[in-house]
Amino acid sequence: MKARLPLLVLGFVSLAFGVVGGLARLTPLDVPLNVLAFHGALMVCAFFGTLIALERAVALGRLWAYAAPLCTGIGGLALLLGRPLAGFICLTLGAAVLVAASVAVLARQRSLEMATLLAGAGSLLVGDIGVFFGFSAVPWWVAFFALTIGAERLELSRYLKRAPPVRAAFVAIAAGLLAAPLEPRLLGAFLVLLALWLALYDLARVTVRQTALPRYVAVCLLAGYFWLALGGTLMALSVGYDAALHAFFLGFVFSMVFGHAPVILPAVLHVRFPYHPALYVPLALLHASLALRLFWVQAGAWGNAAAIGLFIATAVALVTRLDRRQTARLPAR
């Protein structure tokens, strides 16, 4: 666990500066130009790339796989230090190792879920390579998240009985997402289809009727699927490009982060993340401020940043409070 924590810290450094860079695009903040310019790469490749690659390395259990989060974490630092060429080389190397780790996971467990995770990692790699050749990486980064999250939800909902046509529909959507970045409007249409599939067949529609952590996770997921559908609709109609991207990256992706963190962090860091109703506060702030952003961009953006910061503070408080309680119960020596 101690060896994994520095990798996670590298990712969160990129998250912090990525959020600041996003705010600086809308409000007069005095930040270095590289922080402003690489807002998207810091958030997607350096933060989420590190987070997802670290999770994949833990699942695989091979030392070489940790080169992926190490490279993406270092790549984020290079971007922050004004070394974009070195930064994107490291980010691309990290994505390549993530692809290799995903191949190894698929070889170990041949399934639709693992194949979709590999497709997601491949989309990240294509997007990163695209930076060097001048084509837009953003649609490929969108596909990376959509395929990765779709695969994880399919894996976590594998105990639900699904008819062959339902699984076939998921295969068709995943295949479409893998090719759709070549045509942004088509990508939007497949995002809407993914949102509908998840809303109809994900485990969240069952667990939302439970209590405590299962209900909280389900609320996060179902709210995220709404923003996924909205973002996809805006992309398909080629209207409100900024609103579409933030509906996807903030409304959908960060809802997934808020919902999965109590499950993923214990697996990655071997710490307990207890449920508390306070987790609903940053979640509500995230969605309320995102809705506000559709009408008042600056205020909504600051609300988004506050929601992310509040969630991190709440998570740290819950984990450390539990740790202090457990330490206090230990017998004196």
Protein backbone atom coordinates (compact mmCIF):
# COMPACT_ATOMS: atom_id res chain seq x y z
CA MET A 1 0.00 0.00 0.00
CA LYS A 2 2.81 2.45 0.88
CA ALA A 3 4.36 1.95 -2.56
CA ARG A 4 1.05 2.72 -4.27
CA LEU A 5 0.33 5.93 -2.37
CA PRO A 6 3.03 8.06 -4.12
CA LEU A 7 1.57 7.05 -7.48
CA LEU A 8 -1.86 8.15 -6.32
CA VAL A 9 -0.41 11.43 -5.05
CA LEU A 10 1.12 12.08 -8.49
CA GLY A 11 -2.31 11.70 -10.02
CA PHE A 12 -3.94 14.03 -7.51
CA VAL A 13 -1.32 16.71 -8.19
CA SER A 14 -2.42 16.69 -11.82
CA LEU A 15 -6.06 16.77 -10.72
CA ALA A 16 -5.48 19.86 -8.58
CA PHE A 17 -3.71 21.78 -11.32
CA GLY A 18 -6.13 20.51 -13.94
CA VAL A 19 -9.05 21.95 -11.96
CA VAL A 20 -7.18 25.25 -11.54
CA GLY A 21 -6.45 25.31 -15.26
CA GLY A 22 -10.12 24.80 -16.05
CA LEU A 23 -11.12 27.65 -13.76
CA ALA A 24 -8.44 29.89 -15.27
CA ARG A 25 -10.06 29.47 -18.68
CA LEU A 26 -13.21 31.12 -17.35
CA THR A 27 -12.05 33.53 -14.66
CA PRO A 28 -8.99 35.81 -14.35
CA LEU A 29 -6.59 33.57 -12.41
CA ASP A 30 -2.86 34.15 -12.60
CA VAL A 31 -1.58 30.69 -13.53
CA PRO A 32 1.27 29.51 -15.78
CA LEU A 33 0.31 29.12 -19.44
CA ASN A 34 1.07 25.38 -19.42
CA VAL A 35 -1.47 24.82 -16.63
CA LEU A 36 -4.05 26.62 -18.73
CA ALA A 37 -3.13 24.90 -22.00
CA PHE A 38 -2.97 21.32 -20.70
CA HIS A 39 -6.13 21.35 -18.59
CA GLY A 40 -7.67 18.43 -20.50
CA ALA A 41 -4.53 16.29 -20.62
CA LEU A 42 -3.90 16.82 -16.91
CA MET A 43 -7.41 15.72 -16.01
CA VAL A 44 -7.84 12.83 -18.46
CA CYS A 45 -4.37 11.36 -19.04
CA ALA A 46 -2.40 12.36 -15.95
CA PHE A 47 -5.10 12.03 -13.28
CA PHE A 48 -7.57 9.47 -14.57
CA GLY A 49 -4.89 7.67 -16.55
CA THR A 50 -2.91 7.22 -13.34
CA LEU A 51 -5.96 6.22 -11.31
CA ILE A 52 -7.25 3.65 -13.79
CA ALA A 53 -3.77 2.29 -14.59
CA LEU A 54 -3.09 1.84 -10.88
CA GLU A 55 -6.35 -0.03 -10.44
CA ARG A 56 -5.48 -2.25 -13.42
CA ALA A 57 -1.99 -2.95 -12.04
CA VAL A 58 -3.45 -3.98 -8.68
CA ALA A 59 -5.92 -6.29 -10.42
CA LEU A 60 -3.16 -7.88 -12.52
CA GLY A 61 -0.72 -8.20 -9.62
CA ARG A 62 2.42 -7.82 -11.75
CA LEU A 63 5.18 -5.36 -10.90
CA TRP A 64 5.75 -4.27 -14.51
CA ALA A 65 2.15 -3.06 -14.78
CA TYR A 66 2.90 -0.30 -12.26
CA ALA A 67 5.02 1.36 -14.97
CA ALA A 68 1.73 2.62 -16.42
CA PRO A 69 0.64 4.82 -13.48
CA LEU A 70 4.28 5.82 -12.92
CA CYS A 71 4.62 7.06 -16.51
CA THR A 72 1.29 8.90 -16.52
CA GLY A 73 2.03 10.48 -13.15
CA ILE A 74 5.46 11.66 -14.32
CA GLY A 75 3.92 12.83 -17.58
CA GLY A 76 1.58 15.09 -15.66
CA LEU A 77 4.48 16.58 -13.72
CA ALA A 78 6.38 17.19 -16.97
CA LEU A 79 3.41 19.10 -18.38
CA LEU A 80 3.25 21.20 -15.22
CA LEU A 81 6.98 21.94 -15.49
CA GLY A 82 6.59 23.19 -19.04
CA ARG A 83 8.01 20.12 -20.80
CA PRO A 84 5.13 19.13 -23.11
CA LEU A 85 7.12 16.81 -25.40
CA ALA A 86 8.51 14.80 -22.47
CA GLY A 87 5.10 14.92 -20.82
CA PHE A 88 3.16 13.50 -23.74
CA ILE A 89 5.83 10.87 -24.39
CA CYS A 90 5.44 9.68 -20.80
CA LEU A 91 1.64 9.80 -21.01
CA THR A 92 1.71 7.77 -24.23
CA LEU A 93 4.12 5.23 -22.73
CA GLY A 94 1.82 4.92 -19.73
CA ALA A 95 -1.17 4.30 -22.01
CA ALA A 96 0.83 1.68 -23.93
CA VAL A 97 1.67 -0.18 -20.72
CA LEU A 98 -1.99 0.06 -19.70
CA VAL A 99 -2.90 -1.62 -23.00
CA ALA A 100 -0.34 -4.36 -22.29
CA ALA A 101 -1.73 -4.85 -18.79
CA SER A 102 -5.25 -5.04 -20.21
CA VAL A 103 -4.10 -7.70 -22.68
CA ALA A 104 -2.66 -9.68 -19.77
CA VAL A 105 -5.90 -9.36 -17.80
CA LEU A 106 -7.89 -10.51 -20.85
CA ALA A 107 -5.57 -13.52 -21.30
CA ARG A 108 -6.23 -14.44 -17.68
CA GLN A 109 -9.99 -13.88 -17.84
CA ARG A 110 -11.44 -14.09 -21.31
CA SER A 111 -14.73 -12.23 -21.17
CA LEU A 112 -16.69 -9.43 -22.81
CA GLU A 113 -15.94 -7.19 -19.84
CA MET A 114 -12.16 -7.59 -20.10
CA ALA A 115 -12.23 -7.18 -23.88
CA THR A 116 -14.13 -3.91 -23.45
CA LEU A 117 -11.58 -2.70 -20.90
CA LEU A 118 -8.87 -3.41 -23.46
CA ALA A 119 -10.80 -1.43 -26.07
CA GLY A 120 -10.99 1.48 -23.65
CA ALA A 121 -7.25 1.40 -22.98
CA GLY A 122 -6.64 1.27 -26.72
CA SER A 123 -8.77 4.38 -27.19
CA LEU A 124 -6.69 6.26 -24.63
CA LEU A 125 -3.52 5.24 -26.44
CA VAL A 126 -4.89 6.33 -29.83
CA GLY A 127 -5.90 9.69 -28.37
CA ASP A 128 -2.48 10.23 -26.81
CA ILE A 129 -0.73 9.30 -30.06
CA GLY A 130 -3.03 11.68 -31.88
CA VAL A 131 -1.54 14.60 -29.96
CA PHE A 132 1.72 14.07 -31.88
CA PHE A 133 -0.04 13.99 -35.27
CA GLY A 134 -2.36 16.92 -34.79
CA PHE A 135 -5.77 15.24 -34.72
CA SER A 136 -8.20 15.76 -31.87
CA ALA A 137 -7.61 13.45 -28.94
CA VAL A 138 -10.82 14.42 -27.13
CA PRO A 139 -13.22 12.02 -28.92
CA TRP A 140 -10.83 9.13 -28.22
CA TRP A 141 -10.59 10.17 -24.57
CA VAL A 142 -14.39 10.21 -24.43
CA ALA A 143 -14.44 6.67 -25.86
CA PHE A 144 -11.82 5.63 -23.29
CA PHE A 145 -14.08 6.62 -20.40
CA ALA A 146 -17.28 5.30 -21.96
CA LEU A 147 -15.78 1.89 -22.72
CA THR A 148 -13.93 1.60 -19.39
CA ILE A 149 -16.92 2.56 -17.26
CA GLY A 150 -19.29 0.48 -19.36
CA ALA A 151 -17.02 -2.55 -18.92
CA GLU A 152 -16.73 -2.04 -15.16
CA ARG A 153 -20.49 -1.75 -14.78
CA LEU A 154 -20.98 -4.88 -16.88
CA GLU A 155 -18.46 -6.71 -14.65
CA LEU A 156 -20.05 -5.50 -11.40
CA SER A 157 -23.52 -6.42 -12.69
CA ARG A 158 -22.52 -9.83 -14.02
CA TYR A 159 -24.80 -11.64 -11.56
CA LEU A 160 -27.89 -10.18 -13.23
CA LYS A 161 -29.42 -12.53 -15.75
CA ARG A 162 -29.38 -10.96 -19.20
CA ALA A 163 -30.82 -12.40 -22.38
CA PRO A 164 -28.39 -12.94 -25.28
CA PRO A 165 -29.89 -9.98 -27.22
CA VAL A 166 -29.09 -7.68 -24.29
CA ARG A 167 -25.44 -8.69 -24.29
CA ALA A 168 -25.39 -8.46 -28.07
CA ALA A 169 -26.66 -4.89 -27.79
CA PHE A 170 -23.79 -4.06 -25.44
CA VAL A 171 -21.30 -5.57 -27.91
CA ALA A 172 -22.76 -3.43 -30.70
CA ILE A 173 -22.58 -0.27 -28.58
CA ALA A 174 -19.00 -0.99 -27.51
CA ALA A 175 -17.97 -1.63 -31.11
CA GLY A 176 -19.64 1.60 -32.14
CA LEU A 177 -17.86 3.56 -29.41
CA LEU A 178 -14.53 2.14 -30.56
CA ALA A 179 -15.02 3.47 -34.11
CA ALA A 180 -17.25 6.50 -33.48
CA PRO A 181 -14.48 8.97 -32.46
CA LEU A 182 -13.85 9.33 -36.19
CA GLU A 183 -17.26 11.08 -36.39
CA PRO A 184 -18.19 13.12 -33.27
CA ARG A 185 -21.93 13.19 -34.04
CA LEU A 186 -21.96 9.40 -34.28
CA LEU A 187 -20.01 9.22 -31.03
CA GLY A 188 -22.75 11.24 -29.35
CA ALA A 189 -25.41 8.84 -30.63
CA PHE A 190 -23.56 5.83 -29.21
CA LEU A 191 -23.14 7.61 -25.86
CA VAL A 192 -26.92 8.01 -25.71
CA LEU A 193 -27.34 4.31 -26.50
CA LEU A 194 -24.87 3.40 -23.77
CA ALA A 195 -26.76 5.60 -21.28
CA LEU A 196 -30.03 3.86 -22.17
CA TRP A 197 -28.45 0.41 -21.88
CA LEU A 198 -26.96 1.21 -18.47
CA ALA A 199 -30.18 2.76 -17.20
CA LEU A 200 -32.14 -0.33 -18.22
CA TYR A 201 -29.75 -3.16 -17.35
CA ASP A 202 -27.26 -1.94 -14.75
CA LEU A 203 -27.37 -3.29 -11.20
CA ALA A 204 -27.98 0.27 -9.94
CA ARG A 205 -31.67 0.05 -10.83
CA VAL A 206 -31.93 -2.72 -8.21
CA THR A 207 -29.59 -1.41 -5.51
CA VAL A 208 -31.15 2.06 -5.49
CA ARG A 209 -33.99 0.48 -3.51
CA GLN A 210 -31.57 -0.61 -0.77
CA THR A 211 -30.01 1.54 1.96
CA ALA A 212 -26.69 3.08 3.02
CA LEU A 213 -23.73 2.50 0.65
CA PRO A 214 -25.54 0.45 -2.04
CA ARG A 215 -28.17 3.18 -2.43
CA TYR A 216 -25.56 5.95 -2.45
CA VAL A 217 -23.56 4.22 -5.19
CA ALA A 218 -26.73 3.64 -7.20
CA VAL A 219 -27.77 7.29 -6.91
CA CYS A 220 -24.31 8.34 -8.16
CA LEU A 221 -24.57 5.99 -11.12
CA LEU A 222 -28.12 6.81 -12.16
CA ALA A 223 -27.43 10.55 -11.95
CA GLY A 224 -24.33 10.00 -14.06
CA TYR A 225 -26.32 8.16 -16.71
CA PHE A 226 -28.57 11.21 -17.06
CA TRP A 227 -25.56 13.43 -17.82
CA LEU A 228 -24.15 10.79 -20.16
CA ALA A 229 -27.40 10.86 -22.15
CA LEU A 230 -27.50 14.67 -22.16
CA GLY A 231 -23.87 15.01 -23.21
CA GLY A 232 -24.33 12.43 -25.94
CA THR A 233 -27.46 14.17 -27.21
CA LEU A 234 -25.68 17.53 -27.43
CA MET A 235 -22.77 15.90 -29.29
CA ALA A 236 -25.11 14.13 -31.69
CA LEU A 237 -26.88 17.41 -32.45
CA SER A 238 -23.57 19.33 -32.68
CA VAL A 239 -24.79 22.00 -30.26
CA GLY A 240 -23.30 23.25 -26.98
CA TYR A 241 -19.90 21.59 -27.41
CA ASP A 242 -18.58 22.90 -24.08
CA ALA A 243 -21.76 21.90 -22.27
CA ALA A 244 -21.61 18.45 -23.90
CA LEU A 245 -18.02 17.84 -22.78
CA HIS A 246 -18.65 18.96 -19.21
CA ALA A 247 -21.88 16.98 -18.99
CA PHE A 248 -19.80 13.95 -19.93
CA PHE A 249 -16.54 14.54 -18.05
CA LEU A 250 -18.05 16.10 -14.91
CA GLY A 251 -21.63 14.86 -14.75
CA PHE A 252 -20.92 11.31 -15.91
CA VAL A 253 -17.28 10.57 -15.13
CA PHE A 254 -17.06 12.28 -11.74
CA SER A 255 -20.38 10.74 -10.68
CA MET A 256 -18.74 7.39 -11.34
CA VAL A 257 -15.71 8.46 -9.28
CA PHE A 258 -17.88 9.56 -6.36
CA GLY A 259 -19.82 6.31 -6.50
CA HIS A 260 -16.93 3.89 -7.00
CA ALA A 261 -14.41 5.48 -4.63
CA PRO A 262 -15.75 3.67 -1.52
CA VAL A 263 -15.20 0.39 -3.41
CA ILE A 264 -12.00 1.08 -5.35
CA LEU A 265 -9.89 2.88 -2.73
CA PRO A 266 -10.03 -0.03 -0.24
CA ALA A 267 -8.86 -2.39 -3.00
CA VAL A 268 -6.02 -0.11 -4.12
CA LEU A 269 -4.79 1.28 -0.78
CA HIS A 270 -6.03 -1.40 1.65
CA VAL A 271 -7.92 1.16 3.71
CA ARG A 272 -11.53 1.08 4.83
CA PHE A 273 -13.80 3.74 3.36
CA PRO A 274 -16.92 3.77 5.56
CA TYR A 275 -20.24 5.03 4.28
CA HIS A 276 -21.64 8.25 5.76
CA PRO A 277 -24.64 10.35 4.62
CA ALA A 278 -22.24 13.30 4.31
CA LEU A 279 -21.14 11.78 0.98
CA TYR A 280 -24.40 13.06 -0.52
CA VAL A 281 -23.35 16.68 0.05
CA PRO A 282 -20.54 16.85 -2.57
CA LEU A 283 -22.65 14.70 -4.89
CA ALA A 284 -25.57 17.13 -4.67
CA LEU A 285 -23.22 20.10 -5.11
CA LEU A 286 -21.66 18.51 -8.19
CA HIS A 287 -24.97 18.04 -9.97
CA ALA A 288 -26.51 21.30 -8.85
CA SER A 289 -23.48 23.30 -9.97
CA LEU A 290 -23.33 21.40 -13.25
CA ALA A 291 -26.96 22.31 -13.91
CA LEU A 292 -26.12 25.91 -13.01
CA ARG A 293 -23.20 25.78 -15.44
CA LEU A 294 -25.62 25.38 -18.33
CA PHE A 295 -26.89 28.91 -17.61
CA TRP A 296 -24.06 30.60 -15.69
CA VAL A 297 -20.75 29.08 -16.70
CA GLN A 298 -18.39 30.79 -14.22
CA ALA A 299 -20.51 30.15 -11.12
CA GLY A 300 -21.14 26.58 -12.18
CA ALA A 301 -17.44 25.94 -12.75
CA TRP A 302 -16.52 27.15 -9.27
CA GLY A 303 -19.27 24.94 -7.87
CA ASN A 304 -17.87 21.96 -9.78
CA ALA A 305 -14.40 22.60 -8.34
CA ALA A 306 -15.85 22.97 -4.84
CA ALA A 307 -17.73 19.67 -5.20
CA ILE A 308 -14.56 17.81 -6.19
CA GLY A 309 -12.58 19.37 -3.33
CA LEU A 310 -15.36 18.68 -0.84
CA PHE A 311 -15.60 15.05 -1.90
CA ILE A 312 -11.85 14.55 -1.44
CA ALA A 313 -11.98 16.25 1.98
CA THR A 314 -14.98 14.11 3.01
CA ALA A 315 -13.28 10.91 1.87
CA VAL A 316 -10.07 11.74 3.75
CA ALA A 317 -12.04 12.63 6.87
CA LEU A 318 -14.01 9.37 6.81
CA VAL A 319 -10.94 7.20 6.23
CA THR A 320 -8.76 8.93 8.85
CA ARG A 321 -11.56 9.05 11.43
CA LEU A 322 -12.05 5.31 11.11
CA ASP A 323 -8.29 4.78 11.33
CA ARG A 324 -8.10 6.84 14.55
CA ARG A 325 -10.98 4.85 16.05
CA GLN A 326 -9.30 1.55 15.23
CA THR A 327 -5.99 2.78 16.68
CA ALA A 328 -7.72 3.89 19.88
CA ARG A 329 -9.18 0.41 20.35
CA LEU A 330 -5.79 -1.27 20.23
CA PRO A 331 -4.63 -2.52 23.67
CA ALA A 332 -1.82 -0.56 25.30
CA ARG A 333 1.56 -2.26 25.38
